[in-house]
Amino acid sequence: MKVGHFLVAKLCNVKVNEFSIGFGPLILKKKKKETEYSLRLIPLGGYVRMEGEDEESTDESAFPKASIPKRIAIVCAGAFVNIVFGLIIYMSMFGIGQTGNLLLALGDSIKQLFTGKVGIDNMVGPVGIGGIISQTQGFGNYMVLLSVISISLGVTNLLPIPALDGGRLVLILIEAIRGKPMKQETEIYIQLLGFSLLITLSVIVMYQDIVRIIG
């Protein structure tokens, strides 16, 4: 949940230029102090645009100028909120023991993904998730699915892949080890490359979802 990034950034005195709910075409926006709050057409997630995050900035409240612990906290906050939110729902329904099994199952799935036992054809995107939700019967089943999706998104977002929070966390840790920041141009290039690969993967997965639904 991007609200995690937003709240922690504010707590760490990092300037947030825009906090958006959803993606795509703008529906409405309102600026309050330094932040522009926006609502967009596609209600899938959202984003937080911090000062200096993707461009050069001399502002002392820019993201790159924050201390390493603060940046780590900001980067991890979104995934943390997703995971905690999902765990609270799941534990309230099944207790601590089936919750443990769920986390083990998710860990095993990630392991299989990196070892090649799970391929792209096994992945499900927003379209596929929407199809699964539409077939869910009963409030209890819906909440279980919501919790699993929330935890999965949180864990996935922490994977060390550029454009994901985990990729950005790796870059911050490299800076901590080197004792000096990476050139911002290089960091932006890495992020853009990762973002391009992520968009390509998303298109492939979405196509597979549509084929499954039609078929």
Protein backbone atom coordinates (compact mmCIF):
# COMPACT_ATOMS: atom_id res chain seq x y z
CA MET A 1 0.00 0.00 0.00
CA LYS A 2 1.50 3.29 -1.14
CA VAL A 3 0.02 4.99 1.90
CA GLY A 4 2.86 3.36 3.85
CA HIS A 5 5.49 5.09 1.70
CA PHE A 6 3.59 8.36 1.97
CA LEU A 7 3.22 8.38 5.77
CA VAL A 8 6.80 7.32 6.49
CA ALA A 9 8.16 9.85 3.97
CA LYS A 10 6.23 12.59 5.75
CA LEU A 11 7.50 11.37 9.14
CA CYS A 12 11.06 11.46 7.80
CA ASN A 13 10.58 15.01 6.47
CA VAL A 14 11.00 13.93 2.85
CA LYS A 15 9.09 16.10 0.40
CA VAL A 16 6.24 14.27 -1.37
CA ASN A 17 5.31 16.00 -4.63
CA GLU A 18 2.35 13.76 -5.44
CA PHE A 19 0.30 11.06 -3.76
CA SER A 20 -2.00 9.29 -6.20
CA ILE A 21 -4.73 6.73 -5.70
CA GLY A 22 -4.95 4.70 -8.90
CA PHE A 23 -3.18 5.05 -12.25
CA GLY A 24 -3.96 6.45 -15.68
CA PRO A 25 -6.03 9.50 -16.63
CA LEU A 26 -6.57 12.09 -13.92
CA ILE A 27 -10.06 12.36 -12.41
CA LEU A 28 -9.40 15.06 -9.85
CA LYS A 29 -6.56 16.61 -7.94
CA LYS A 30 -6.03 18.94 -5.01
CA LYS A 31 -2.83 20.50 -3.74
CA LYS A 32 -2.30 20.93 -0.03
CA LYS A 33 0.93 22.56 1.07
CA GLU A 34 3.74 20.84 -0.86
CA THR A 35 1.82 17.72 -1.95
CA GLU A 36 -0.60 17.26 -4.83
CA TYR A 37 -3.24 14.62 -4.04
CA SER A 38 -4.78 12.96 -7.10
CA LEU A 39 -7.42 10.38 -7.95
CA ARG A 40 -6.93 8.50 -11.23
CA LEU A 41 -9.13 6.36 -13.44
CA ILE A 42 -7.60 2.89 -13.00
CA PRO A 43 -8.24 1.83 -9.38
CA LEU A 44 -5.25 -0.49 -9.08
CA GLY A 45 -2.78 0.64 -6.44
CA GLY A 46 -1.29 4.09 -6.78
CA TYR A 47 2.03 5.82 -6.40
CA VAL A 48 4.05 8.28 -4.33
CA ARG A 49 6.31 10.73 -6.17
CA MET A 50 8.98 12.09 -3.86
CA GLU A 51 11.29 15.02 -4.53
CA GLY A 52 14.54 13.88 -6.17
CA GLU A 53 13.34 10.31 -6.54
CA ASP A 54 13.65 10.17 -10.33
CA GLU A 55 15.42 13.43 -11.10
CA GLU A 56 18.25 15.64 -9.88
CA SER A 57 17.29 17.90 -6.97
CA THR A 58 19.14 20.30 -4.71
CA ASP A 59 16.23 20.43 -2.24
CA GLU A 60 17.42 19.41 1.22
CA SER A 61 14.14 17.52 1.75
CA ALA A 62 14.69 15.40 -1.39
CA PHE A 63 14.60 11.61 -1.02
CA PRO A 64 18.31 11.02 -1.90
CA LYS A 65 19.38 13.49 0.79
CA ALA A 66 17.63 11.57 3.57
CA SER A 67 19.77 9.29 5.73
CA ILE A 68 20.15 5.64 4.73
CA PRO A 69 17.99 4.36 7.65
CA LYS A 70 15.23 6.81 6.69
CA ARG A 71 15.34 5.78 3.04
CA ILE A 72 15.24 2.10 3.97
CA ALA A 73 12.21 2.75 6.19
CA ILE A 74 10.42 4.64 3.39
CA VAL A 75 11.16 1.98 0.77
CA CYS A 76 10.06 -0.92 2.99
CA ALA A 77 6.97 0.81 4.39
CA GLY A 78 4.63 -0.03 1.52
CA ALA A 79 5.39 -3.76 1.53
CA PHE A 80 5.28 -3.79 5.35
CA VAL A 81 1.75 -2.33 5.37
CA ASN A 82 0.61 -4.84 2.72
CA ILE A 83 1.99 -7.80 4.66
CA VAL A 84 0.71 -6.66 8.06
CA PHE A 85 -2.74 -5.85 6.65
CA GLY A 86 -3.00 -9.30 5.06
CA LEU A 87 -1.70 -11.09 8.17
CA ILE A 88 -4.19 -9.33 10.44
CA ILE A 89 -7.10 -10.42 8.24
CA TYR A 90 -5.82 -13.99 7.88
CA MET A 91 -5.00 -14.44 11.57
CA SER A 92 -8.38 -13.08 12.60
CA MET A 93 -10.00 -15.83 10.53
CA PHE A 94 -7.66 -18.79 10.93
CA GLY A 95 -5.35 -18.12 13.87
CA ILE A 96 -1.56 -18.05 13.99
CA GLY A 97 -0.89 -21.76 12.87
CA GLN A 98 -2.68 -21.64 9.25
CA THR A 99 -1.17 -18.18 8.83
CA GLY A 100 2.31 -19.77 9.37
CA ASN A 101 1.48 -22.34 6.71
CA LEU A 102 0.44 -19.59 4.33
CA LEU A 103 3.78 -17.80 4.73
CA LEU A 104 5.65 -21.06 4.18
CA ALA A 105 3.63 -21.70 1.03
CA LEU A 106 4.39 -18.19 -0.27
CA GLY A 107 8.08 -18.66 0.48
CA ASP A 108 8.07 -21.96 -1.40
CA SER A 109 6.35 -20.31 -4.38
CA ILE A 110 9.04 -17.61 -4.55
CA LYS A 111 11.75 -20.26 -4.32
CA GLN A 112 10.18 -22.20 -7.19
CA LEU A 113 10.00 -18.98 -9.24
CA PHE A 114 13.74 -18.38 -8.93
CA THR A 115 14.64 -22.02 -9.53
CA GLY A 116 12.54 -22.18 -12.70
CA LYS A 117 9.93 -24.61 -11.36
CA VAL A 118 7.27 -21.92 -11.81
CA GLY A 119 7.16 -20.11 -15.15
CA ILE A 120 5.48 -17.01 -16.54
CA ASP A 121 2.54 -19.14 -17.67
CA ASN A 122 1.75 -19.80 -13.99
CA MET A 123 1.59 -16.12 -13.06
CA VAL A 124 -1.64 -14.16 -12.62
CA GLY A 125 -2.04 -10.42 -13.16
CA PRO A 126 -4.77 -7.88 -12.34
CA VAL A 127 -7.12 -9.29 -15.00
CA GLY A 128 -6.71 -12.81 -13.68
CA ILE A 129 -7.13 -11.68 -10.09
CA GLY A 130 -10.31 -9.87 -11.09
CA GLY A 131 -11.60 -13.08 -12.62
CA ILE A 132 -10.81 -15.05 -9.47
CA ILE A 133 -12.50 -12.45 -7.27
CA SER A 134 -15.63 -12.51 -9.45
CA GLN A 135 -15.93 -16.25 -8.79
CA THR A 136 -15.49 -15.89 -5.05
CA GLN A 137 -18.55 -16.91 -3.05
CA GLY A 138 -19.23 -15.48 0.39
CA PHE A 139 -17.68 -12.70 2.39
CA GLY A 140 -15.31 -15.07 4.21
CA ASN A 141 -13.78 -16.43 1.00
CA TYR A 142 -13.45 -12.91 -0.36
CA MET A 143 -11.55 -11.77 2.75
CA VAL A 144 -9.24 -14.79 2.57
CA LEU A 145 -8.44 -13.99 -1.05
CA LEU A 146 -7.91 -10.32 -0.18
CA SER A 147 -5.47 -11.21 2.58
CA VAL A 148 -3.51 -13.63 0.36
CA ILE A 149 -3.27 -11.04 -2.42
CA SER A 150 -2.14 -8.34 0.02
CA ILE A 151 0.58 -10.52 1.55
CA SER A 152 1.71 -11.76 -1.87
CA LEU A 153 2.01 -8.20 -3.19
CA GLY A 154 4.01 -7.16 -0.14
CA VAL A 155 6.44 -10.07 -0.39
CA THR A 156 6.79 -9.75 -4.18
CA ASN A 157 7.50 -6.03 -3.90
CA LEU A 158 10.50 -6.78 -1.68
CA LEU A 159 12.15 -9.01 -4.29
CA PRO A 160 15.55 -7.61 -5.40
CA ILE A 161 14.28 -6.57 -8.84
CA PRO A 162 14.85 -3.05 -10.25
CA ALA A 163 11.65 -0.94 -10.31
CA LEU A 164 10.33 -2.83 -7.28
CA ASP A 165 10.94 -1.61 -3.72
CA GLY A 166 13.30 -4.54 -3.19
CA GLY A 167 15.46 -3.36 -6.09
CA ARG A 168 15.64 0.14 -4.66
CA LEU A 169 16.51 -1.33 -1.25
CA VAL A 170 19.45 -3.18 -2.84
CA LEU A 171 20.76 0.08 -4.33
CA ILE A 172 20.55 1.78 -0.91
CA LEU A 173 22.40 -1.12 0.72
CA ILE A 174 25.10 -0.94 -1.98
CA GLU A 175 25.48 2.76 -1.16
CA ALA A 176 25.84 1.91 2.53
CA ILE A 177 28.57 -0.64 1.76
CA ARG A 178 30.44 1.65 -0.66
CA GLY A 179 30.17 4.61 1.67
CA LYS A 180 29.04 6.89 -1.13
CA PRO A 181 25.95 7.16 -3.32
CA MET A 182 25.75 5.74 -6.79
CA LYS A 183 25.58 8.29 -9.60
CA GLN A 184 21.95 9.35 -9.83
CA GLU A 185 21.99 8.95 -13.61
CA THR A 186 23.10 5.34 -13.20
CA GLU A 187 20.46 4.64 -10.54
CA ILE A 188 17.73 6.18 -12.70
CA TYR A 189 18.90 4.11 -15.69
CA ILE A 190 18.73 0.91 -13.63
CA GLN A 191 15.26 1.79 -12.38
CA LEU A 192 14.00 2.62 -15.88
CA LEU A 193 15.44 -0.62 -17.27
CA GLY A 194 13.75 -2.59 -14.50
CA PHE A 195 10.50 -0.72 -15.05
CA SER A 196 10.59 -1.53 -18.78
CA LEU A 197 11.12 -5.22 -18.05
CA LEU A 198 8.34 -5.14 -15.46
CA ILE A 199 5.91 -3.53 -17.95
CA THR A 200 6.81 -6.16 -20.55
CA LEU A 201 6.18 -8.95 -18.05
CA SER A 202 2.87 -7.35 -17.02
CA VAL A 203 1.69 -7.23 -20.65
CA ILE A 204 2.59 -10.89 -21.17
CA VAL A 205 0.81 -11.94 -17.98
CA MET A 206 -2.24 -9.82 -18.84
CA TYR A 207 -2.42 -11.45 -22.28
CA GLN A 208 -2.30 -14.89 -20.66
CA ASP A 209 -5.06 -13.88 -18.22
CA ILE A 210 -7.30 -12.75 -21.09
CA VAL A 211 -6.65 -15.96 -23.03
CA ARG A 212 -7.57 -18.04 -19.96
CA ILE A 213 -10.81 -16.10 -19.45
CA ILE A 214 -11.82 -16.27 -23.13
CA GLY A 215 -10.79 -19.90 -23.40
